[in-house]
Amino acid sequence: MEVKSYTFEVRIEKDKFPNGKIGYFAIVPELEEKGAVAQGKTRAEALRNMQTVLEMIVEELIETGKPISRRIAHISSKPMVTVSL
């Protein structure tokens, strides 16, 4: 099986939980309609949760034969999530 890596730029914003505590909200705008949103108590947790969400989305797109936009992997100071399948 051929392995491909998919790199997505993730937008992270501070979020407020219903209990009033501050957390973080992560989103991949290009895949929001597919459910690419996640929350976490910390930025790191939000990114870990996004990693899991993106793995599920990419697997589903591959299984259903839907196209995934090709992106070139690069080093960036912006938060990035890479999914390798």
N, C-alpha and C. Protein backbone atom coordinates (compact mmCIF):
# COMPACT_ATOMS: atom_id res chain seq x y z
N MET A 1 0.84 -1.19 0.00
CA MET A 1 0.00 0.00 0.00
C MET A 1 0.89 1.25 0.00
N GLU A 2 0.57 2.16 -0.88
CA GLU A 2 1.31 3.41 -0.97
C GLU A 2 0.96 4.32 0.20
N VAL A 3 1.97 4.92 0.80
CA VAL A 3 1.75 5.85 1.92
C VAL A 3 1.78 7.27 1.39
N LYS A 4 0.79 8.07 1.78
CA LYS A 4 0.76 9.49 1.43
C LYS A 4 0.63 10.28 2.72
N SER A 5 1.22 11.45 2.74
CA SER A 5 1.09 12.34 3.89
C SER A 5 0.26 13.55 3.48
N TYR A 6 -0.67 13.92 4.32
CA TYR A 6 -1.53 15.06 4.07
C TYR A 6 -1.30 16.08 5.18
N THR A 7 -0.92 17.30 4.80
CA THR A 7 -0.62 18.35 5.77
C THR A 7 -1.69 19.42 5.67
N PHE A 8 -2.27 19.76 6.81
CA PHE A 8 -3.35 20.74 6.86
C PHE A 8 -2.97 21.89 7.79
N GLU A 9 -3.25 23.10 7.37
CA GLU A 9 -3.07 24.25 8.25
C GLU A 9 -4.26 24.30 9.20
N VAL A 10 -3.98 24.42 10.48
CA VAL A 10 -5.02 24.42 11.50
C VAL A 10 -5.11 25.80 12.13
N ARG A 11 -6.32 26.32 12.22
CA ARG A 11 -6.54 27.59 12.91
C ARG A 11 -6.93 27.26 14.35
N ILE A 12 -6.26 27.90 15.31
CA ILE A 12 -6.56 27.66 16.72
C ILE A 12 -6.98 28.97 17.36
N GLU A 13 -8.09 28.90 18.09
CA GLU A 13 -8.62 30.08 18.77
C GLU A 13 -8.92 29.71 20.22
N LYS A 14 -8.83 30.71 21.09
CA LYS A 14 -9.26 30.48 22.47
C LYS A 14 -10.76 30.26 22.47
N ASP A 15 -11.21 29.40 23.36
CA ASP A 15 -12.62 29.03 23.43
C ASP A 15 -13.04 29.06 24.89
N LYS A 16 -14.30 29.20 25.15
CA LYS A 16 -14.81 29.18 26.51
C LYS A 16 -15.78 28.01 26.64
N PHE A 17 -15.48 27.13 27.58
CA PHE A 17 -16.33 25.98 27.82
C PHE A 17 -17.59 26.43 28.58
N PRO A 18 -18.66 25.61 28.53
CA PRO A 18 -19.90 25.99 29.23
C PRO A 18 -19.69 26.28 30.73
N ASN A 19 -18.66 25.67 31.33
CA ASN A 19 -18.41 25.91 32.76
C ASN A 19 -17.62 27.20 33.01
N GLY A 20 -17.31 27.93 31.93
CA GLY A 20 -16.60 29.20 32.05
C GLY A 20 -15.08 29.09 31.92
N LYS A 21 -14.55 27.88 31.94
CA LYS A 21 -13.10 27.72 31.81
C LYS A 21 -12.66 27.95 30.37
N ILE A 22 -11.43 28.43 30.22
CA ILE A 22 -10.88 28.70 28.90
C ILE A 22 -10.27 27.42 28.33
N GLY A 23 -10.51 27.21 27.06
CA GLY A 23 -9.93 26.09 26.33
C GLY A 23 -9.55 26.58 24.95
N TYR A 24 -9.37 25.67 24.03
CA TYR A 24 -8.97 26.00 22.67
C TYR A 24 -9.82 25.25 21.66
N PHE A 25 -10.08 25.91 20.56
CA PHE A 25 -10.89 25.41 19.46
C PHE A 25 -10.00 25.33 18.23
N ALA A 26 -9.93 24.17 17.60
CA ALA A 26 -9.10 23.99 16.40
C ALA A 26 -10.02 23.70 15.22
N ILE A 27 -9.67 24.26 14.07
CA ILE A 27 -10.49 24.08 12.87
C ILE A 27 -9.61 24.07 11.62
N VAL A 28 -10.01 23.26 10.66
CA VAL A 28 -9.43 23.29 9.33
C VAL A 28 -10.56 23.80 8.44
N PRO A 29 -10.53 25.10 8.10
CA PRO A 29 -11.65 25.70 7.38
C PRO A 29 -12.05 24.96 6.09
N GLU A 30 -11.07 24.46 5.35
CA GLU A 30 -11.37 23.76 4.09
C GLU A 30 -12.13 22.46 4.30
N LEU A 31 -12.08 21.91 5.51
CA LEU A 31 -12.76 20.64 5.79
C LEU A 31 -13.81 20.77 6.89
N GLU A 32 -14.18 21.99 7.21
CA GLU A 32 -15.15 22.19 8.29
C GLU A 32 -16.46 21.46 8.01
N GLU A 33 -16.91 21.47 6.76
CA GLU A 33 -18.18 20.80 6.43
C GLU A 33 -18.08 19.29 6.60
N LYS A 34 -16.86 18.76 6.66
CA LYS A 34 -16.65 17.33 6.89
C LYS A 34 -16.47 17.02 8.38
N GLY A 35 -16.48 18.07 9.21
CA GLY A 35 -16.34 17.86 10.66
C GLY A 35 -14.96 18.13 11.21
N ALA A 36 -14.12 18.87 10.49
CA ALA A 36 -12.75 19.12 10.94
C ALA A 36 -12.70 20.24 11.98
N VAL A 37 -13.26 19.94 13.13
CA VAL A 37 -13.23 20.85 14.28
C VAL A 37 -12.92 20.01 15.52
N ALA A 38 -12.22 20.61 16.47
CA ALA A 38 -11.87 19.90 17.71
C ALA A 38 -11.65 20.92 18.82
N GLN A 39 -11.78 20.46 20.05
CA GLN A 39 -11.55 21.30 21.21
C GLN A 39 -10.53 20.63 22.12
N GLY A 40 -9.98 21.43 23.02
CA GLY A 40 -9.07 20.90 24.01
C GLY A 40 -8.86 21.90 25.13
N LYS A 41 -8.41 21.40 26.27
CA LYS A 41 -8.12 22.28 27.41
C LYS A 41 -6.87 23.11 27.17
N THR A 42 -5.98 22.60 26.31
CA THR A 42 -4.75 23.31 25.94
C THR A 42 -4.63 23.31 24.43
N ARG A 43 -3.72 24.15 23.90
CA ARG A 43 -3.47 24.15 22.45
C ARG A 43 -3.02 22.76 22.00
N ALA A 44 -2.14 22.14 22.79
CA ALA A 44 -1.61 20.83 22.43
C ALA A 44 -2.73 19.78 22.38
N GLU A 45 -3.62 19.82 23.34
CA GLU A 45 -4.73 18.86 23.35
C GLU A 45 -5.66 19.09 22.16
N ALA A 46 -5.93 20.35 21.84
CA ALA A 46 -6.77 20.65 20.67
C ALA A 46 -6.13 20.11 19.40
N LEU A 47 -4.81 20.26 19.26
CA LEU A 47 -4.11 19.73 18.08
C LEU A 47 -4.11 18.21 18.05
N ARG A 48 -3.93 17.57 19.20
CA ARG A 48 -3.99 16.10 19.25
C ARG A 48 -5.38 15.61 18.84
N ASN A 49 -6.41 16.30 19.35
CA ASN A 49 -7.77 15.92 18.99
C ASN A 49 -8.02 16.14 17.50
N MET A 50 -7.46 17.23 16.95
CA MET A 50 -7.61 17.49 15.51
C MET A 50 -6.91 16.41 14.70
N GLN A 51 -5.76 15.94 15.16
CA GLN A 51 -5.05 14.85 14.48
C GLN A 51 -5.98 13.65 14.33
N THR A 52 -6.66 13.29 15.39
CA THR A 52 -7.58 12.14 15.37
C THR A 52 -8.72 12.40 14.39
N VAL A 53 -9.30 13.59 14.45
CA VAL A 53 -10.41 13.94 13.55
C VAL A 53 -9.96 13.87 12.09
N LEU A 54 -8.79 14.45 11.80
CA LEU A 54 -8.30 14.45 10.41
C LEU A 54 -7.99 13.05 9.91
N GLU A 55 -7.47 12.20 10.76
CA GLU A 55 -7.23 10.81 10.36
C GLU A 55 -8.54 10.15 9.92
N MET A 56 -9.60 10.36 10.69
CA MET A 56 -10.90 9.77 10.34
C MET A 56 -11.44 10.35 9.04
N ILE A 57 -11.32 11.67 8.86
CA ILE A 57 -11.82 12.31 7.64
C ILE A 57 -11.06 11.82 6.42
N VAL A 58 -9.73 11.78 6.51
CA VAL A 58 -8.92 11.34 5.37
C VAL A 58 -9.22 9.88 5.04
N GLU A 59 -9.32 9.03 6.06
CA GLU A 59 -9.65 7.62 5.82
C GLU A 59 -10.99 7.48 5.11
N GLU A 60 -11.98 8.24 5.56
CA GLU A 60 -13.31 8.18 4.94
C GLU A 60 -13.27 8.66 3.49
N LEU A 61 -12.57 9.75 3.23
CA LEU A 61 -12.47 10.26 1.86
C LEU A 61 -11.80 9.24 0.95
N ILE A 62 -10.75 8.60 1.44
CA ILE A 62 -10.05 7.59 0.64
C ILE A 62 -10.97 6.40 0.38
N GLU A 63 -11.65 5.91 1.43
CA GLU A 63 -12.52 4.74 1.30
C GLU A 63 -13.69 5.00 0.34
N THR A 64 -14.19 6.23 0.31
CA THR A 64 -15.33 6.54 -0.56
C THR A 64 -14.89 7.06 -1.92
N GLY A 65 -13.59 7.13 -2.15
CA GLY A 65 -13.08 7.56 -3.44
C GLY A 65 -13.23 9.04 -3.73
N LYS A 66 -13.46 9.83 -2.70
CA LYS A 66 -13.59 11.27 -2.90
C LYS A 66 -12.20 11.91 -2.94
N PRO A 67 -12.03 12.92 -3.78
CA PRO A 67 -10.71 13.53 -3.93
C PRO A 67 -10.27 14.31 -2.69
N ILE A 68 -8.98 14.31 -2.46
CA ILE A 68 -8.36 15.10 -1.40
C ILE A 68 -7.40 16.06 -2.09
N SER A 69 -7.56 17.35 -1.83
CA SER A 69 -6.67 18.33 -2.46
C SER A 69 -5.23 18.03 -2.07
N ARG A 70 -4.34 18.01 -3.04
CA ARG A 70 -2.92 17.76 -2.76
C ARG A 70 -2.28 19.05 -2.27
N ARG A 71 -1.52 18.93 -1.21
CA ARG A 71 -0.78 20.06 -0.65
C ARG A 71 0.67 19.66 -0.51
N ILE A 72 1.54 20.61 -0.68
CA ILE A 72 2.98 20.35 -0.52
C ILE A 72 3.34 20.56 0.94
N ALA A 73 3.98 19.56 1.54
CA ALA A 73 4.43 19.66 2.93
C ALA A 73 5.53 20.70 3.01
N HIS A 74 5.47 21.53 4.02
CA HIS A 74 6.50 22.55 4.22
C HIS A 74 6.63 22.87 5.70
N ILE A 75 7.74 23.47 6.05
CA ILE A 75 7.98 23.87 7.44
C ILE A 75 7.36 25.24 7.63
N SER A 76 6.61 25.38 8.69
CA SER A 76 5.89 26.63 8.93
C SER A 76 5.84 26.92 10.42
N SER A 77 5.77 28.17 10.75
CA SER A 77 5.61 28.53 12.16
C SER A 77 4.14 28.45 12.58
N LYS A 78 3.26 28.21 11.60
CA LYS A 78 1.84 28.07 11.90
C LYS A 78 1.57 26.64 12.39
N PRO A 79 0.54 26.44 13.21
CA PRO A 79 0.21 25.08 13.65
C PRO A 79 -0.14 24.21 12.42
N MET A 80 0.46 23.04 12.38
CA MET A 80 0.22 22.10 11.27
C MET A 80 -0.11 20.73 11.83
N VAL A 81 -0.94 19.99 11.12
CA VAL A 81 -1.25 18.61 11.45
C VAL A 81 -0.99 17.79 10.21
N THR A 82 -0.22 16.72 10.35
CA THR A 82 0.07 15.83 9.23
C THR A 82 -0.56 14.48 9.49
N VAL A 83 -1.30 13.98 8.51
CA VAL A 83 -1.93 12.68 8.60
C VAL A 83 -1.23 11.77 7.61
N SER A 84 -0.66 10.67 8.09
CA SER A 84 0.02 9.71 7.23
C SER A 84 -0.78 8.42 7.20
N LEU A 85 -1.19 8.01 6.01
CA LEU A 85 -1.95 6.76 5.85
C LEU A 85 -1.30 5.90 4.80
